[in-house]
């Protein structure tokens, strides 16, 4: 079901805005103008690296879902080849469909990069599944991974939040200009944005570290967890010298340090119950998302209506990496909400109740954007926020896979605050 749904999603987003031209002669004329050289755009120029990266990112989940849907019992090179062929067939079908559109262009380069994305996604999924199976086969390794699982999750979230849109660079000139700008203005103060969301992520990372260290019997676990968070905040901020569209600054590092200190300080306090622990994550995460989505907090008189065509606004953006970055930013903002809800909700009602709550919370923020100058409410953003939260539910569900019999109180204590 997920495999077919994602295939439909690819067809949908690559056909926007659905301005079809059924003329066969026009399609044949567009086909004759398609460049036969790889890495060449439909206009005959060198293909854009951002466009190729976008194709890879779009088709990588399709390749991964192909492995998950058809290769669960046995993973082999044949299944990876099947995923690559499936990606090729889907991409070729999409490019053929685009021949009958008025404002879409077909490209052989798109087919190749789409197929590469599907292959890469299949390889990563196969590798992850192989590692998971081998880990589960060894009880000692499985127990260790289970104990440090929250640290792995929140560490990965921090990396994704720091590096998106993942346009890494080793250009010496670009890095040198960033270093000079940093030396001139190390604070890099700017308008408010995602500081609240960043603080919540660092707080949860440090709290997870404190949980693990306390279970292992390490003395001064909170202090050590706070130190780990400080090192992570400084190190990840410095790594942005190698991300083309990001600029490191002391302001963001201080936010990470403050969040880590607060998270480590509050971890394991006896005052936490399931209800208060859940609210202690959901409320700051929602407020952090509100800060990110409602800046500059300048109100206008008239309310803008919702954009109701999914992904039309994303497709209209001039730079593909901007759309990717925006989607990652929104999804990561609601990830902690889904994670906390999964820990508090009963297993049978976890997914539907969490989905209802996060759609409501995201819808409120998007509606409020209609009153803010320069903001445009979009039904797509509600879906992206909900998907990020559902990813959090999924991540927490894996942590609770062998803890179904526990009460919500014991789950929260074990995985968030203990």
Protein backbone atom coordinates (compact mmCIF):
# COMPACT_ATOMS: atom_id res chain seq x y z
CA UNK A 1 0.00 0.00 0.00
CA UNK A 2 2.76 2.47 0.94
CA UNK A 3 4.68 1.45 -2.18
CA UNK A 4 1.73 2.13 -4.48
CA UNK A 5 0.86 5.33 -2.62
CA UNK A 6 4.36 6.70 -3.04
CA UNK A 7 4.39 5.79 -6.74
CA UNK A 8 1.13 7.72 -7.12
CA UNK A 9 2.68 10.62 -5.20
CA UNK A 10 5.59 10.75 -7.64
CA UNK A 11 3.23 10.82 -10.61
CA UNK A 12 1.21 13.54 -8.88
CA UNK A 13 4.05 15.93 -8.04
CA UNK A 14 5.73 15.49 -11.43
CA UNK A 15 2.50 16.32 -13.27
CA UNK A 16 1.62 19.54 -11.46
CA UNK A 17 -0.13 21.82 -12.36
CA UNK A 18 -1.92 19.27 -14.61
CA UNK A 19 -1.94 21.44 -17.72
CA UNK A 20 -2.22 18.57 -20.22
CA UNK A 21 -2.09 18.83 -23.98
CA UNK A 22 -3.47 15.62 -25.61
CA UNK A 23 -1.94 16.44 -29.02
CA UNK A 24 0.17 13.50 -30.24
CA UNK A 25 2.00 15.67 -32.77
CA UNK A 26 3.02 18.10 -30.04
CA UNK A 27 4.26 15.20 -27.90
CA UNK A 28 6.31 13.79 -30.78
CA UNK A 29 7.82 17.23 -31.38
CA UNK A 30 8.84 17.47 -27.72
CA UNK A 31 10.25 13.94 -27.91
CA UNK A 32 12.47 14.83 -30.88
CA UNK A 33 13.89 17.79 -28.94
CA UNK A 34 14.92 15.69 -25.91
CA UNK A 35 18.76 15.73 -25.61
CA UNK A 36 20.27 12.25 -25.84
CA UNK A 37 23.35 13.18 -23.80
CA UNK A 38 23.42 12.49 -20.10
CA UNK A 39 23.79 15.36 -17.63
CA UNK A 40 22.19 17.70 -20.17
CA UNK A 41 19.08 19.72 -19.39
CA UNK A 42 16.12 19.88 -21.82
CA UNK A 43 17.39 23.33 -22.87
CA UNK A 44 20.71 21.82 -23.97
CA UNK A 45 22.75 23.24 -21.11
CA UNK A 46 24.54 21.33 -18.38
CA UNK A 47 22.03 19.78 -16.02
CA UNK A 48 21.58 21.50 -12.68
CA UNK A 49 23.15 19.69 -9.73
CA UNK A 50 20.22 20.73 -7.52
CA UNK A 51 17.72 19.27 -10.00
CA UNK A 52 19.62 15.98 -10.13
CA UNK A 53 19.84 15.87 -6.34
CA UNK A 54 16.11 16.51 -6.15
CA UNK A 55 15.46 13.57 -8.47
CA UNK A 56 17.62 11.29 -6.34
CA UNK A 57 15.88 12.42 -3.15
CA UNK A 58 12.44 11.95 -4.72
CA UNK A 59 13.07 8.39 -5.92
CA UNK A 60 15.21 7.10 -3.03
CA UNK A 61 12.15 6.36 -0.84
CA UNK A 62 10.55 4.53 -3.77
CA UNK A 63 13.55 2.20 -4.00
CA UNK A 64 13.54 1.68 -0.23
CA UNK A 65 9.82 0.91 -0.21
CA UNK A 66 10.33 -1.56 -3.06
CA UNK A 67 12.75 -3.51 -0.88
CA UNK A 68 10.46 -3.28 2.15
CA UNK A 69 7.41 -4.38 0.14
CA UNK A 70 8.92 -7.21 -1.89
CA UNK A 71 12.22 -8.18 -0.32
CA UNK A 72 11.48 -8.66 3.37
CA UNK A 73 12.09 -12.40 3.42
CA UNK A 74 15.24 -12.41 1.35
CA UNK A 75 17.46 -9.48 0.47
CA UNK A 76 19.77 -9.96 -2.49
CA UNK A 77 21.33 -8.14 -5.39
CA UNK A 78 18.39 -9.36 -7.48
CA UNK A 79 15.96 -7.39 -5.32
CA UNK A 80 18.13 -4.25 -5.60
CA UNK A 81 18.13 -4.75 -9.38
CA UNK A 82 14.34 -5.13 -9.28
CA UNK A 83 14.07 -1.83 -7.38
CA UNK A 84 16.31 -0.14 -9.95
CA UNK A 85 14.19 -1.48 -12.83
CA UNK A 86 11.01 -0.40 -11.05
CA UNK A 87 12.48 3.09 -10.64
CA UNK A 88 13.40 3.15 -14.32
CA UNK A 89 9.90 2.07 -15.40
CA UNK A 90 8.20 4.62 -13.16
CA UNK A 91 10.53 7.42 -14.26
CA UNK A 92 10.15 6.57 -17.95
CA UNK A 93 6.38 6.55 -17.51
CA UNK A 94 6.46 9.94 -15.83
CA UNK A 95 8.71 11.43 -18.51
CA UNK A 96 6.39 10.02 -21.20
CA UNK A 97 3.40 11.58 -19.44
CA UNK A 98 5.21 14.92 -19.34
CA UNK A 99 5.37 14.88 -23.14
CA UNK A 100 1.63 15.55 -23.05
CA UNK A 101 1.86 18.53 -20.71
CA UNK A 102 2.15 22.17 -21.71
CA UNK A 103 4.70 23.32 -19.12
CA UNK A 104 6.71 20.19 -18.26
CA UNK A 105 9.83 19.03 -20.08
CA UNK A 106 11.09 15.48 -20.48
CA UNK A 107 14.74 14.58 -20.03
CA UNK A 108 16.90 11.48 -20.33
CA UNK A 109 18.97 12.86 -17.48
CA UNK A 110 15.90 12.75 -15.24
CA UNK A 111 15.38 9.07 -16.01
CA UNK A 112 19.00 8.27 -15.13
CA UNK A 113 19.03 10.25 -11.88
CA UNK A 114 15.62 8.89 -10.89
CA UNK A 115 16.89 5.35 -11.42
CA UNK A 116 20.03 6.19 -9.44
CA UNK A 117 17.87 7.46 -6.59
CA UNK A 118 15.75 4.30 -6.55
CA UNK A 119 18.90 2.15 -6.60
CA UNK A 120 20.50 4.13 -3.78
CA UNK A 121 17.34 3.92 -1.69
CA UNK A 122 17.13 0.16 -2.26
CA UNK A 123 20.78 -0.32 -1.26
CA UNK A 124 20.37 1.70 1.93
CA UNK A 125 17.17 -0.16 2.85
CA UNK A 126 18.82 -3.53 2.19
CA UNK A 127 21.84 -2.57 4.30
CA UNK A 128 19.67 -1.35 7.18
CA UNK A 129 17.52 -4.49 7.10
CA UNK A 130 20.61 -6.70 7.09
CA UNK A 131 22.07 -4.84 10.08
CA UNK A 132 18.77 -5.03 11.96
CA UNK A 133 18.45 -8.77 11.37
CA UNK A 134 22.00 -9.48 12.49
CA UNK A 135 21.55 -7.29 15.57
CA UNK A 136 18.33 -9.04 16.55
CA UNK A 137 20.06 -12.40 16.16
CA UNK A 138 22.52 -11.41 18.90
CA UNK A 139 20.71 -10.71 22.18
CA UNK A 140 23.59 -8.72 23.66
CA UNK A 141 23.81 -6.37 20.67
CA UNK A 142 20.04 -6.08 20.54
CA UNK A 143 19.91 -5.03 24.20
CA UNK A 144 22.65 -2.43 23.73
CA UNK A 145 20.95 -0.94 20.68
CA UNK A 146 17.65 -0.87 22.52
CA UNK A 147 19.22 1.03 25.42
CA UNK A 148 20.91 3.67 23.26
CA UNK A 149 18.07 3.87 20.71
CA UNK A 150 16.75 7.27 21.95
CA UNK A 151 20.26 8.74 21.66
CA UNK A 152 20.54 7.43 18.09
CA UNK A 153 17.15 8.89 17.18
CA UNK A 154 17.73 12.37 18.60
CA UNK A 155 21.30 12.47 17.36
CA UNK A 156 20.05 11.72 13.84
CA UNK A 157 17.39 14.42 14.20
CA UNK A 158 20.04 16.96 15.20
CA UNK A 159 22.19 16.09 12.19
CA UNK A 160 19.25 16.35 9.78
CA UNK A 161 18.19 19.69 11.26
CA UNK A 162 21.73 21.06 11.00
CA UNK A 163 22.63 19.87 7.50
CA UNK A 164 19.47 20.26 5.44
CA UNK A 165 19.16 20.88 2.50
CA UNK A 166 22.30 18.68 2.42
CA UNK A 167 24.13 20.73 -0.23
CA UNK A 168 27.56 19.88 1.11
CA UNK A 169 30.61 21.57 -0.35
CA UNK A 170 34.39 21.41 -0.18
CA UNK A 171 34.90 24.53 -2.28
CA UNK A 172 37.84 26.28 -0.64
CA UNK A 173 36.74 29.72 -1.80
CA UNK A 174 33.24 29.35 -0.39
CA UNK A 175 34.49 27.95 2.91
CA UNK A 176 37.07 30.73 3.17
CA UNK A 177 34.42 33.42 2.68
CA UNK A 178 32.33 31.83 5.42
CA UNK A 179 35.30 31.79 7.79
CA UNK A 180 35.95 35.49 7.13
CA UNK A 181 32.28 36.32 7.70
CA UNK A 182 32.30 34.31 10.93
CA UNK A 183 35.44 36.06 12.22
CA UNK A 184 33.89 39.43 11.41
CA UNK A 185 30.56 38.59 13.05
CA UNK A 186 30.81 35.38 15.14
CA UNK A 187 27.36 35.83 16.69
CA UNK A 188 25.59 35.88 13.28
CA UNK A 189 22.50 37.41 14.77
CA UNK A 190 19.44 37.45 12.54
CA UNK A 191 15.68 37.32 12.66
CA UNK A 192 13.97 34.77 14.87
CA UNK A 193 13.40 31.44 13.19
CA UNK A 194 13.92 27.91 14.43
CA UNK A 195 15.66 28.66 17.74
CA UNK A 196 12.80 27.20 19.79
CA UNK A 197 12.63 24.01 17.74
CA UNK A 198 16.42 23.63 17.96
CA UNK A 199 16.38 24.06 21.74
CA UNK A 200 13.74 21.31 22.08
CA UNK A 201 15.76 18.90 19.92
CA UNK A 202 18.95 19.48 21.91
CA UNK A 203 17.06 19.16 25.19
CA UNK A 204 15.67 15.76 24.15
CA UNK A 205 19.09 14.62 22.93
CA UNK A 206 20.72 15.52 26.24
CA UNK A 207 17.84 13.96 28.20
CA UNK A 208 18.24 10.74 26.21
CA UNK A 209 21.99 10.74 26.95
CA UNK A 210 21.28 11.23 30.64
CA UNK A 211 18.82 8.30 30.59
CA UNK A 212 21.37 5.98 29.02
CA UNK A 213 24.19 7.06 31.32
CA UNK A 214 22.05 6.60 34.45
CA UNK A 215 21.01 3.11 33.38
CA UNK A 216 24.67 2.23 32.93
CA UNK A 217 25.41 3.43 36.45
CA UNK A 218 27.58 6.37 35.41
CA UNK A 219 28.04 8.95 38.15
CA UNK A 220 27.15 12.58 37.42
CA UNK A 221 25.12 11.42 34.44
CA UNK A 222 23.32 14.75 34.02
CA UNK A 223 26.53 16.76 33.94
CA UNK A 224 28.12 14.39 31.44
CA UNK A 225 24.99 14.42 29.27
CA UNK A 226 24.99 18.22 29.27
CA UNK A 227 28.65 18.17 28.22
CA UNK A 228 27.85 15.79 25.36
CA UNK A 229 25.10 18.17 24.23
CA UNK A 230 27.48 21.14 24.37
CA UNK A 231 30.06 19.32 22.25
CA UNK A 232 27.34 18.29 19.78
CA UNK A 233 26.04 21.87 19.51
CA UNK A 234 29.47 23.34 18.84
CA UNK A 235 30.58 20.54 16.51
CA UNK A 236 27.41 20.55 14.40
CA UNK A 237 27.48 24.32 14.14
CA UNK A 238 31.08 24.26 12.90
CA UNK A 239 30.18 21.56 10.38
CA UNK A 240 27.96 24.08 8.62
CA UNK A 241 31.10 25.57 7.09
CA UNK A 242 30.81 22.61 4.70
CA UNK A 243 27.11 23.12 3.88
CA UNK A 244 26.76 25.63 1.07
CA UNK A 245 23.44 27.17 2.11
CA UNK A 246 24.10 27.26 5.87
CA UNK A 247 26.14 29.71 7.94
CA UNK A 248 27.47 28.81 11.41
CA UNK A 249 26.98 31.28 14.23
CA UNK A 250 27.45 31.53 17.96
CA UNK A 251 23.77 32.37 18.43
CA UNK A 252 22.67 28.92 17.25
CA UNK A 253 25.44 27.26 19.25
CA UNK A 254 24.26 29.03 22.41
CA UNK A 255 20.70 27.87 21.73
CA UNK A 256 21.96 24.28 21.48
CA UNK A 257 24.03 24.63 24.65
CA UNK A 258 21.07 26.08 26.56
CA UNK A 259 18.72 23.39 25.32
CA UNK A 260 21.17 20.62 26.21
CA UNK A 261 21.69 22.03 29.70
CA UNK A 262 17.97 22.28 30.36
CA UNK A 263 17.26 18.80 29.02
CA UNK A 264 20.02 17.20 31.08
CA UNK A 265 18.95 19.11 34.21
CA UNK A 266 15.31 18.03 33.97
CA UNK A 267 15.97 14.39 33.00
CA UNK A 268 15.05 11.88 35.67
CA UNK A 269 13.23 14.18 38.06
CA UNK A 270 10.67 12.44 40.25
CA UNK A 271 8.00 15.02 39.42
CA UNK A 272 7.46 13.59 35.93
CA UNK A 273 4.39 11.48 35.20
CA UNK A 274 3.18 10.27 31.81
CA UNK A 275 0.85 13.25 31.40
CA UNK A 276 3.35 15.90 32.45
CA UNK A 277 6.20 14.32 30.51
CA UNK A 278 4.12 14.28 27.34
CA UNK A 279 3.06 17.89 27.81
CA UNK A 280 6.67 18.87 28.64
CA UNK A 281 7.63 17.75 25.12
CA UNK A 282 4.52 18.64 23.11
CA UNK A 283 4.00 22.20 24.38
CA UNK A 284 7.60 23.46 23.83
CA UNK A 285 7.78 21.65 20.47
CA UNK A 286 4.52 23.23 19.32
CA UNK A 287 5.62 26.67 20.52
CA UNK A 288 8.96 26.22 18.74
CA UNK A 289 7.14 25.33 15.53
CA UNK A 290 4.89 28.37 16.03
CA UNK A 291 7.93 30.63 16.37
CA UNK A 292 9.36 29.20 13.16
CA UNK A 293 6.14 29.41 11.15
CA UNK A 294 4.69 32.71 12.39
CA UNK A 295 7.71 35.00 12.22
CA UNK A 296 8.00 37.99 11.74
CA UNK A 297 4.81 38.20 13.89
CA UNK A 298 3.58 41.14 11.82
CA UNK A 299 -0.19 40.91 11.45
CA UNK A 300 -2.21 42.01 8.43
CA UNK A 301 -5.84 43.03 8.21
CA UNK A 302 -7.12 40.40 5.79
CA UNK A 303 -6.76 36.66 6.22
CA UNK A 304 -5.23 34.76 3.30
CA UNK A 305 -7.14 31.60 2.34
CA UNK A 306 -5.59 28.14 2.34
CA UNK A 307 -3.84 26.90 -0.79
CA UNK A 308 -5.82 23.69 -1.34
CA UNK A 309 -3.88 22.06 -4.21
CA UNK A 310 -1.28 19.79 -2.57
CA UNK A 311 2.37 20.54 -3.43
CA UNK A 312 1.50 23.22 -5.99
CA UNK A 313 3.31 25.85 -3.91
CA UNK A 314 6.35 23.58 -3.54
CA UNK A 315 6.51 22.99 -7.28
CA UNK A 316 6.38 26.73 -7.93
CA UNK A 317 9.53 27.45 -5.92
CA UNK A 318 12.44 28.53 -8.09
CA UNK A 319 15.04 26.45 -6.23
CA UNK A 320 14.31 22.74 -5.60
CA UNK A 321 16.63 22.67 -2.59
CA UNK A 322 14.49 25.37 -0.95
CA UNK A 323 11.42 23.14 -1.18
CA UNK A 324 13.37 20.17 0.25
CA UNK A 325 14.73 22.29 3.08
CA UNK A 326 11.28 23.68 3.90
CA UNK A 327 9.76 20.18 4.03
CA UNK A 328 12.56 18.84 6.24
CA UNK A 329 12.30 21.83 8.55
CA UNK A 330 8.56 21.42 9.04
CA UNK A 331 8.67 17.66 9.51
CA UNK A 332 11.47 17.84 12.09
CA UNK A 333 9.57 20.53 14.01
CA UNK A 334 6.68 18.13 14.66
CA UNK A 335 8.80 14.97 15.05
CA UNK A 336 9.11 15.38 18.86
CA UNK A 337 5.32 15.75 19.17
CA UNK A 338 4.71 12.42 17.48
CA UNK A 339 7.45 10.75 19.53
CA UNK A 340 5.94 11.97 22.81
CA UNK A 341 2.40 11.00 21.81
CA UNK A 342 3.50 7.47 20.92
CA UNK A 343 4.96 7.01 24.39
CA UNK A 344 1.76 8.14 26.09
CA UNK A 345 -0.96 6.60 23.91
CA UNK A 346 -2.16 2.99 24.10
CA UNK A 347 -0.90 0.76 21.31
CA UNK A 348 -4.25 0.17 19.61
CA UNK A 349 -5.19 3.86 19.44
CA UNK A 350 -1.70 5.25 18.96
CA UNK A 351 -1.75 5.96 15.22
CA UNK A 352 -5.28 7.35 14.69
CA UNK A 353 -5.30 9.46 17.85
CA UNK A 354 -1.81 10.83 17.16
CA UNK A 355 -2.79 11.61 13.56
CA UNK A 356 -5.88 13.51 14.69
CA UNK A 357 -3.94 15.53 17.27
CA UNK A 358 -1.05 16.51 15.01
CA UNK A 359 -3.31 17.44 12.09
CA UNK A 360 -5.27 19.69 14.47
CA UNK A 361 -2.09 21.27 15.88
CA UNK A 362 -0.62 21.78 12.40
CA UNK A 363 -3.89 23.14 11.03
CA UNK A 364 -4.03 25.77 13.77
CA UNK A 365 -0.53 27.01 12.92
CA UNK A 366 -1.25 27.09 9.19
CA UNK A 367 -4.50 28.98 9.77
CA UNK A 368 -2.67 31.53 11.92
CA UNK A 369 -0.18 32.02 9.09
CA UNK A 370 -3.00 33.58 7.07
CA UNK A 371 -2.88 36.60 9.41
CA UNK A 372 0.92 37.04 9.24
CA UNK A 373 2.59 39.29 6.69
CA UNK A 374 4.58 37.27 4.17
CA UNK A 375 3.10 33.92 5.23
CA UNK A 376 0.76 31.78 3.15
CA UNK A 377 -1.30 28.95 4.64
CA UNK A 378 -0.98 25.77 2.62
CA UNK A 379 -2.72 22.44 3.11
CA UNK A 380 0.52 20.78 1.97
CA UNK A 381 2.35 22.12 5.01
CA UNK A 382 -0.27 20.58 7.29
CA UNK A 383 0.41 17.23 5.64
CA UNK A 384 4.19 17.65 5.95
CA UNK A 385 3.87 18.54 9.64
CA UNK A 386 1.67 15.49 10.17
CA UNK A 387 4.11 13.23 8.31
CA UNK A 388 6.95 14.47 10.51
CA UNK A 389 4.91 13.69 13.61
CA UNK A 390 3.99 10.26 12.23
CA UNK A 391 7.69 9.61 11.69
CA UNK A 392 8.12 10.38 15.39
CA UNK A 393 5.34 7.92 16.25
CA UNK A 394 7.03 5.29 14.11
CA UNK A 395 10.43 5.90 15.74
CA UNK A 396 8.98 5.68 19.24
CA UNK A 397 6.97 2.57 18.31
CA UNK A 398 10.22 0.78 17.45
CA UNK A 399 11.60 1.73 20.85
CA UNK A 400 8.48 0.27 22.46
CA UNK A 401 8.35 -2.86 20.33
CA UNK A 402 9.03 -5.14 23.26
CA UNK A 403 7.41 -2.94 25.90
CA UNK A 404 3.72 -3.18 24.97
CA UNK A 405 2.75 -4.45 28.40
CA UNK A 406 4.15 -1.40 30.17
CA UNK A 407 1.94 1.43 31.34
CA UNK A 408 2.30 4.87 29.74
CA UNK A 409 3.94 6.12 32.95
CA UNK A 410 6.70 3.54 32.81
CA UNK A 411 7.28 4.13 29.10
CA UNK A 412 7.71 7.86 29.57
CA UNK A 413 10.02 7.37 32.53
CA UNK A 414 12.10 4.81 30.65
CA UNK A 415 12.49 6.62 27.32
CA UNK A 416 12.18 10.34 28.02
CA UNK A 417 12.98 11.39 31.55
CA UNK A 418 14.53 8.58 33.49
